[in-house]
Amino acid sequence: MRPLAILTVLMIAVGSAGPAWAQDSFTKDPLPFLGNPEGFTLPAPAPGLAPVPYAPPASAHDPTDALGTELLLEARATESGPPIAEGVIWRVFGERPGSDGELPLVATARGGTTSIQLEPGAYLVHAGFGRAGATKRVTVGKEPMLETMILDAGGLRLSAVTGDDRRIAPERLTFEISRDDEQGERVLIVPNAKPDRVLRLQAGTYHVVSRYGQVNAVVRADIEVAAGKLTDMMIRHAGAQATLKLVAEEGGEALANTGWAVLTKDGDTLQESVGAFPQIILAEGEYTAVARHKGRMYSREFRIDAGVDRDVEVRLIDIVAID
């Protein structure tokens, strides 16, 4: 295991896969995660609690207004950053639990800066921004007021390459993101993060597991997400895809109804399948393909090099056993 640090990001790659690296793109693309990233869907507000869009008041607020007192809410990724323009989920709770023991939900809103009308009293205001958030106790009086929530939020975008910097297709990649809680236990935050999508996260250190395929091409990395910045994390996998074929002769037609097993150099079985052209993504290394067809078994050793997809042809003359 060898750590590799680039800029402010610490990465650690383990196992059979290669190193990972990341790039802090804040200087060339400031705060892009403050917008609504592709594929991010905001939940609808609770029935009867529609958000009130913010508009600067044309005149002074009338404290006797039957709607209550205006509470203007804004959220910032950092204390010195600009207000977040969109993507914030606002929830306002009463301070005292109801008969069910839960805090009553008084109002919800979504967007960026938001205006809510509330009766004078004490409330708990929660601002959620992706998987970052903050809660604050607010006391509303008879005069309009502004509350600013500092979310300490950053952005993370994941992608991966293999071989000679060849981009890995998104459908072949899975990412898991977790972090340690206060007791030091690792907690899963995002079980299946999509490549090239911006994740809004609380600032801190996260553990990322990247899987290329479903077998043994795995890279693990620790990365620091900074508040107010977008971190692009690109992982390098040392793996490739093998297509297995049982043929009568080199370059011949693949035989159907063939059972397959792929073994490590030490003889451990990695995957079993049935078909004429099974495909398997493997980490760089040496393997054995074993084919079973009409009661006979055939095998061939082969090697996987990073980024080099290949066909592995097992020939009928490579017989190893007869039932």
Protein backbone atom coordinates (compact mmCIF):
# COMPACT_ATOMS: atom_id res chain seq x y z
CA MET A 1 0.00 0.00 0.00
CA ARG A 2 1.53 3.32 -1.03
CA PRO A 3 -0.15 6.73 -0.53
CA LEU A 4 -0.08 9.22 -3.36
CA ALA A 5 -0.85 12.88 -2.62
CA ILE A 6 -1.61 15.46 -5.29
CA LEU A 7 -2.57 19.02 -4.31
CA THR A 8 -4.74 18.86 -1.18
CA VAL A 9 -6.08 15.38 -1.86
CA LEU A 10 -4.77 12.20 -0.25
CA MET A 11 -5.29 9.00 -2.22
CA ILE A 12 -4.44 5.42 -1.27
CA ALA A 13 -4.67 2.54 -3.73
CA VAL A 14 -4.61 -1.03 -2.48
CA GLY A 15 -4.89 -4.58 -3.77
CA SER A 16 -4.09 -5.51 -7.32
CA ALA A 17 -5.23 -2.24 -8.86
CA GLY A 18 -3.07 0.76 -9.70
CA PRO A 19 -2.80 4.24 -8.17
CA ALA A 20 -5.51 6.87 -8.07
CA TRP A 21 -5.23 10.62 -8.32
CA ALA A 22 -7.43 13.70 -8.02
CA GLN A 23 -7.46 17.28 -9.23
CA ASP A 24 -8.82 20.30 -7.38
CA SER A 25 -10.66 22.20 -10.10
CA PHE A 26 -11.93 25.09 -7.96
CA THR A 27 -9.54 27.60 -9.47
CA LYS A 28 -10.74 26.96 -13.03
CA ASP A 29 -14.41 26.19 -12.26
CA PRO A 30 -15.46 28.00 -9.05
CA LEU A 31 -18.37 26.53 -7.15
CA PRO A 32 -20.02 24.68 -10.06
CA PHE A 33 -21.62 22.29 -7.61
CA LEU A 34 -23.82 25.08 -6.31
CA GLY A 35 -26.07 24.57 -9.32
CA ASN A 36 -28.38 21.64 -9.88
CA PRO A 37 -26.20 18.75 -11.18
CA GLU A 38 -27.45 16.41 -13.87
CA GLY A 39 -29.61 13.66 -12.49
CA PHE A 40 -30.21 15.37 -9.11
CA THR A 41 -33.90 15.44 -8.21
CA LEU A 42 -35.25 17.44 -5.31
CA PRO A 43 -38.03 15.89 -3.23
CA ALA A 44 -41.43 17.52 -3.40
CA PRO A 45 -42.50 19.57 -0.38
CA ALA A 46 -44.99 18.10 2.05
CA PRO A 47 -48.68 18.48 1.10
CA GLY A 48 -50.04 21.86 2.07
CA LEU A 49 -46.56 23.24 2.78
CA ALA A 50 -45.67 24.77 -0.56
CA PRO A 51 -42.49 26.88 -0.63
CA VAL A 52 -42.70 30.64 -0.80
CA PRO A 53 -40.29 31.91 -3.49
CA TYR A 54 -38.04 34.72 -2.36
CA ALA A 55 -38.64 38.22 -3.74
CA PRO A 56 -37.18 41.38 -2.19
CA PRO A 57 -39.98 43.23 -0.37
CA ALA A 58 -41.23 46.37 -2.09
CA SER A 59 -41.92 48.09 1.24
CA ALA A 60 -41.34 47.60 4.94
CA HIS A 61 -42.94 44.52 6.43
CA ASP A 62 -46.14 45.08 8.38
CA PRO A 63 -45.82 43.19 11.70
CA THR A 64 -49.60 42.95 11.89
CA ASP A 65 -49.77 40.98 8.64
CA ALA A 66 -51.97 37.95 9.24
CA LEU A 67 -49.43 35.73 7.45
CA GLY A 68 -46.96 36.19 10.30
CA THR A 69 -43.40 37.45 10.39
CA GLU A 70 -41.13 37.12 7.39
CA LEU A 71 -38.09 34.87 7.95
CA LEU A 72 -35.61 35.18 5.12
CA LEU A 73 -33.34 32.13 4.83
CA GLU A 74 -30.12 31.84 2.88
CA ALA A 75 -27.45 29.10 2.80
CA ARG A 76 -23.75 29.37 2.03
CA ALA A 77 -21.20 26.63 1.41
CA THR A 78 -18.63 28.60 3.42
CA GLU A 79 -18.90 31.65 5.64
CA SER A 80 -17.24 33.87 3.04
CA GLY A 81 -18.93 32.29 0.01
CA PRO A 82 -21.92 33.59 -1.93
CA PRO A 83 -25.48 32.43 -1.17
CA ILE A 84 -26.32 29.09 -2.79
CA ALA A 85 -28.58 29.77 -5.76
CA GLU A 86 -30.53 26.49 -5.90
CA GLY A 87 -30.69 22.93 -4.66
CA VAL A 88 -31.33 23.68 -0.97
CA ILE A 89 -34.11 21.87 0.89
CA TRP A 90 -35.46 23.95 3.78
CA ARG A 91 -37.44 22.43 6.65
CA VAL A 92 -38.75 24.38 9.63
CA PHE A 93 -39.78 22.46 12.77
CA GLY A 94 -41.54 23.54 15.90
CA GLU A 95 -39.31 23.47 18.97
CA ARG A 96 -41.57 21.28 21.11
CA PRO A 97 -42.40 17.64 20.24
CA GLY A 98 -46.00 16.76 19.47
CA SER A 99 -48.06 13.98 21.04
CA ASP A 100 -46.21 11.44 18.87
CA GLY A 101 -42.86 12.56 20.27
CA GLU A 102 -41.78 14.06 16.95
CA LEU A 103 -41.02 17.69 16.24
CA PRO A 104 -43.87 19.13 14.15
CA LEU A 105 -42.95 20.13 10.59
CA VAL A 106 -44.15 23.72 10.23
CA ALA A 107 -42.96 24.64 6.72
CA THR A 108 -40.83 23.42 3.85
CA ALA A 109 -39.25 25.16 0.89
CA ARG A 110 -36.71 24.43 -1.77
CA GLY A 111 -34.45 26.42 -4.03
CA GLY A 112 -31.92 28.99 -2.86
CA THR A 113 -32.67 32.04 -0.75
CA THR A 114 -36.23 31.62 0.55
CA SER A 115 -38.81 33.68 2.39
CA ILE A 116 -41.14 31.97 4.89
CA GLN A 117 -43.93 33.51 6.99
CA LEU A 118 -43.98 32.28 10.61
CA GLU A 119 -45.78 33.15 13.81
CA PRO A 120 -43.50 34.59 16.52
CA GLY A 121 -41.77 31.83 18.51
CA ALA A 122 -38.81 29.45 18.54
CA TYR A 123 -38.11 27.07 15.65
CA LEU A 124 -35.49 24.64 14.42
CA VAL A 125 -34.44 25.36 10.84
CA HIS A 126 -32.69 22.68 8.78
CA ALA A 127 -31.01 23.32 5.43
CA GLY A 128 -30.11 20.27 3.34
CA PHE A 129 -27.85 20.49 0.29
CA GLY A 130 -27.35 17.04 -1.20
CA ARG A 131 -25.72 15.10 1.64
CA ALA A 132 -24.55 18.25 3.43
CA GLY A 133 -26.73 20.08 5.92
CA ALA A 134 -27.01 22.18 9.05
CA THR A 135 -29.61 22.86 11.75
CA LYS A 136 -30.05 26.09 13.68
CA ARG A 137 -32.39 27.31 16.43
CA VAL A 138 -34.14 30.51 15.37
CA THR A 139 -36.32 32.79 17.47
CA VAL A 140 -38.84 34.72 15.38
CA GLY A 141 -40.17 38.01 16.73
CA LYS A 142 -42.42 40.65 15.22
CA GLU A 143 -39.81 42.14 12.90
CA PRO A 144 -38.56 40.58 9.65
CA MET A 145 -35.23 38.80 10.04
CA LEU A 146 -32.52 37.13 7.99
CA GLU A 147 -30.84 33.87 8.98
CA THR A 148 -27.77 32.53 7.18
CA MET A 149 -26.88 28.84 7.35
CA ILE A 150 -23.24 27.85 6.81
CA LEU A 151 -23.33 24.32 5.38
CA ASP A 152 -19.58 23.58 5.17
CA ALA A 153 -20.32 21.86 1.86
CA GLY A 154 -18.12 20.76 -1.01
CA GLY A 155 -18.50 18.88 -4.27
CA LEU A 156 -17.02 15.58 -5.47
CA ARG A 157 -17.06 14.24 -9.04
CA LEU A 158 -15.78 10.73 -9.82
CA SER A 159 -14.43 9.13 -12.97
CA ALA A 160 -11.93 6.40 -13.90
CA VAL A 161 -9.44 5.39 -16.60
CA THR A 162 -7.41 2.31 -17.39
CA GLY A 163 -4.35 1.55 -19.47
CA ASP A 164 -3.16 4.52 -21.52
CA ASP A 165 -5.66 6.93 -19.93
CA ARG A 166 -8.60 5.26 -21.65
CA ARG A 167 -11.88 6.36 -20.10
CA ILE A 168 -13.89 3.53 -18.60
CA ALA A 169 -17.52 3.39 -19.74
CA PRO A 170 -19.89 4.50 -16.92
CA GLU A 171 -21.90 1.26 -17.09
CA ARG A 172 -18.76 -0.70 -16.17
CA LEU A 173 -18.07 1.39 -13.07
CA THR A 174 -19.50 1.52 -9.58
CA PHE A 175 -18.44 3.81 -6.74
CA GLU A 176 -19.15 3.48 -3.02
CA ILE A 177 -18.54 6.41 -0.69
CA SER A 178 -18.30 6.11 3.08
CA ARG A 179 -16.81 8.00 6.02
CA ASP A 180 -15.96 7.36 9.66
CA ASP A 181 -18.44 8.44 12.32
CA GLU A 182 -17.55 9.87 15.72
CA GLN A 183 -16.94 6.35 17.08
CA GLY A 184 -14.57 5.52 14.25
CA GLU A 185 -17.05 3.18 12.56
CA ARG A 186 -17.21 3.36 8.78
CA VAL A 187 -20.66 4.44 7.57
CA LEU A 188 -21.82 4.04 3.97
CA ILE A 189 -22.92 7.43 2.59
CA VAL A 190 -23.51 6.74 -1.12
CA PRO A 191 -23.83 3.05 -2.10
CA ASN A 192 -23.81 3.52 -5.88
CA ALA A 193 -22.48 6.90 -6.96
CA LYS A 194 -22.66 7.57 -10.69
CA PRO A 195 -19.54 8.60 -12.64
CA ASP A 196 -19.27 12.22 -13.80
CA ARG A 197 -22.06 13.40 -11.50
CA VAL A 198 -21.45 16.04 -8.84
CA LEU A 199 -22.07 14.85 -5.29
CA ARG A 200 -22.78 17.49 -2.65
CA LEU A 201 -21.08 16.43 0.56
CA GLN A 202 -20.17 17.79 3.97
CA ALA A 203 -16.51 18.82 4.04
CA GLY A 204 -14.29 16.06 5.39
CA THR A 205 -12.45 12.86 4.55
CA TYR A 206 -14.25 10.15 2.59
CA HIS A 207 -13.33 6.59 1.63
CA VAL A 208 -14.06 5.74 -2.00
CA VAL A 209 -14.24 2.20 -3.40
CA SER A 210 -14.17 2.04 -7.20
CA ARG A 211 -15.08 -1.21 -8.96
CA TYR A 212 -14.33 -1.82 -12.62
CA GLY A 213 -16.60 -4.71 -13.46
CA GLN A 214 -17.82 -7.06 -10.75
CA VAL A 215 -14.82 -9.27 -9.99
CA ASN A 216 -11.41 -8.14 -8.74
CA ALA A 217 -10.55 -4.85 -10.45
CA VAL A 218 -10.97 -2.68 -7.34
CA VAL A 219 -9.28 0.55 -6.20
CA ARG A 220 -9.72 2.14 -2.79
CA ALA A 221 -8.86 5.77 -2.05
CA ASP A 222 -9.17 8.30 0.75
CA ILE A 223 -10.01 11.82 -0.38
CA GLU A 224 -10.52 15.15 1.34
CA VAL A 225 -13.57 17.17 0.28
CA ALA A 226 -13.01 20.88 0.96
CA ALA A 227 -15.82 23.33 1.71
CA GLY A 228 -16.65 25.63 -1.19
CA LYS A 229 -14.67 23.60 -3.72
CA LEU A 230 -15.31 20.97 -6.35
CA THR A 231 -12.83 18.09 -6.34
CA ASP A 232 -12.51 16.00 -9.48
CA MET A 233 -11.33 12.51 -8.54
CA MET A 234 -10.04 10.33 -11.34
CA ILE A 235 -9.09 6.76 -10.47
CA ARG A 236 -6.70 4.64 -12.48
CA HIS A 237 -7.64 0.98 -12.77
CA ALA A 238 -5.16 -1.66 -13.90
CA GLY A 239 -7.61 -4.00 -15.61
CA ALA A 240 -9.26 -5.01 -18.88
CA GLN A 241 -12.02 -7.17 -20.35
CA ALA A 242 -11.55 -10.75 -21.55
CA THR A 243 -13.99 -12.47 -23.93
CA LEU A 244 -13.85 -16.25 -23.58
CA LYS A 245 -14.33 -18.62 -26.54
CA LEU A 246 -14.10 -22.39 -26.95
CA VAL A 247 -13.07 -23.13 -30.55
CA ALA A 248 -12.09 -26.15 -32.60
CA GLU A 249 -9.16 -24.25 -34.07
CA GLU A 250 -7.58 -20.84 -33.74
CA GLY A 251 -9.96 -18.18 -35.05
CA GLY A 252 -12.79 -20.69 -35.32
CA GLU A 253 -16.42 -20.29 -34.39
CA ALA A 254 -17.19 -20.26 -30.65
CA LEU A 255 -19.07 -23.32 -29.38
CA ALA A 256 -22.37 -22.75 -27.61
CA ASN A 257 -23.51 -24.46 -24.39
CA THR A 258 -20.08 -24.14 -22.84
CA GLY A 259 -19.57 -23.83 -19.10
CA TRP A 260 -16.74 -21.57 -17.93
CA ALA A 261 -14.64 -20.96 -14.84
CA VAL A 262 -11.90 -18.36 -14.47
CA LEU A 263 -9.17 -19.15 -11.94
CA THR A 264 -6.43 -17.08 -10.37
CA LYS A 265 -2.81 -18.07 -10.61
CA ASP A 266 -3.24 -19.75 -7.20
CA GLY A 267 -6.23 -21.78 -8.40
CA ASP A 268 -9.02 -19.78 -6.75
CA THR A 269 -12.24 -19.55 -8.76
CA LEU A 270 -13.20 -15.95 -9.58
CA GLN A 271 -16.28 -16.45 -11.73
CA GLU A 272 -18.36 -19.16 -13.36
CA SER A 273 -20.67 -18.72 -16.34
CA VAL A 274 -22.30 -20.48 -19.30
CA GLY A 275 -22.31 -19.28 -22.91
CA ALA A 276 -20.45 -18.99 -26.17
CA PHE A 277 -18.95 -15.54 -25.54
CA PRO A 278 -18.87 -14.76 -21.79
CA GLN A 279 -17.11 -11.53 -20.91
CA ILE A 280 -15.29 -10.81 -17.68
CA ILE A 281 -13.40 -7.73 -16.45
CA LEU A 282 -10.27 -8.64 -14.50
CA ALA A 283 -7.43 -6.87 -12.75
CA GLU A 284 -4.03 -7.04 -14.39
CA GLY A 285 -2.42 -10.45 -13.84
CA GLU A 286 -2.29 -14.10 -14.87
CA TYR A 287 -5.32 -16.41 -15.00
CA THR A 288 -6.59 -19.75 -16.26
CA ALA A 289 -9.76 -20.18 -18.30
CA VAL A 290 -11.43 -23.60 -17.91
CA ALA A 291 -14.15 -24.63 -20.37
CA ARG A 292 -16.55 -27.59 -19.99
CA HIS A 293 -18.25 -28.88 -23.14
CA LYS A 294 -20.01 -32.22 -23.72
CA GLY A 295 -18.48 -33.83 -20.65
CA ARG A 296 -14.93 -32.73 -21.39
CA MET A 297 -12.84 -29.96 -19.85
CA TYR A 298 -10.34 -27.73 -21.60
CA SER A 299 -8.10 -25.01 -20.20
CA ARG A 300 -5.74 -22.26 -21.20
CA GLU A 301 -3.60 -19.82 -19.27
CA PHE A 302 -3.80 -16.16 -20.23
CA ARG A 303 -2.68 -12.74 -19.07
CA ILE A 304 -4.55 -9.47 -18.58
CA ASP A 305 -2.70 -6.19 -19.20
CA ALA A 306 -4.13 -2.85 -18.10
CA GLY A 307 -6.41 -1.31 -20.70
CA VAL A 308 -5.97 -4.09 -23.27
CA ASP A 309 -9.27 -5.91 -23.90
CA ARG A 310 -8.69 -9.31 -25.51
CA ASP A 311 -10.22 -12.53 -26.72
CA VAL A 312 -9.15 -15.70 -24.92
CA GLU A 313 -9.56 -18.74 -27.20
CA VAL A 314 -9.54 -22.17 -25.58
CA ARG A 315 -9.11 -24.88 -28.21
CA LEU A 316 -10.53 -28.38 -28.20
CA ILE A 317 -6.99 -29.75 -28.29
CA ASP A 318 -6.32 -28.14 -24.87
CA ILE A 319 -8.08 -31.00 -23.10
CA VAL A 320 -7.32 -31.55 -19.42
CA ALA A 321 -9.84 -34.15 -18.32
CA ILE A 322 -12.48 -36.60 -19.57
CA ASP A 323 -15.47 -37.55 -17.40
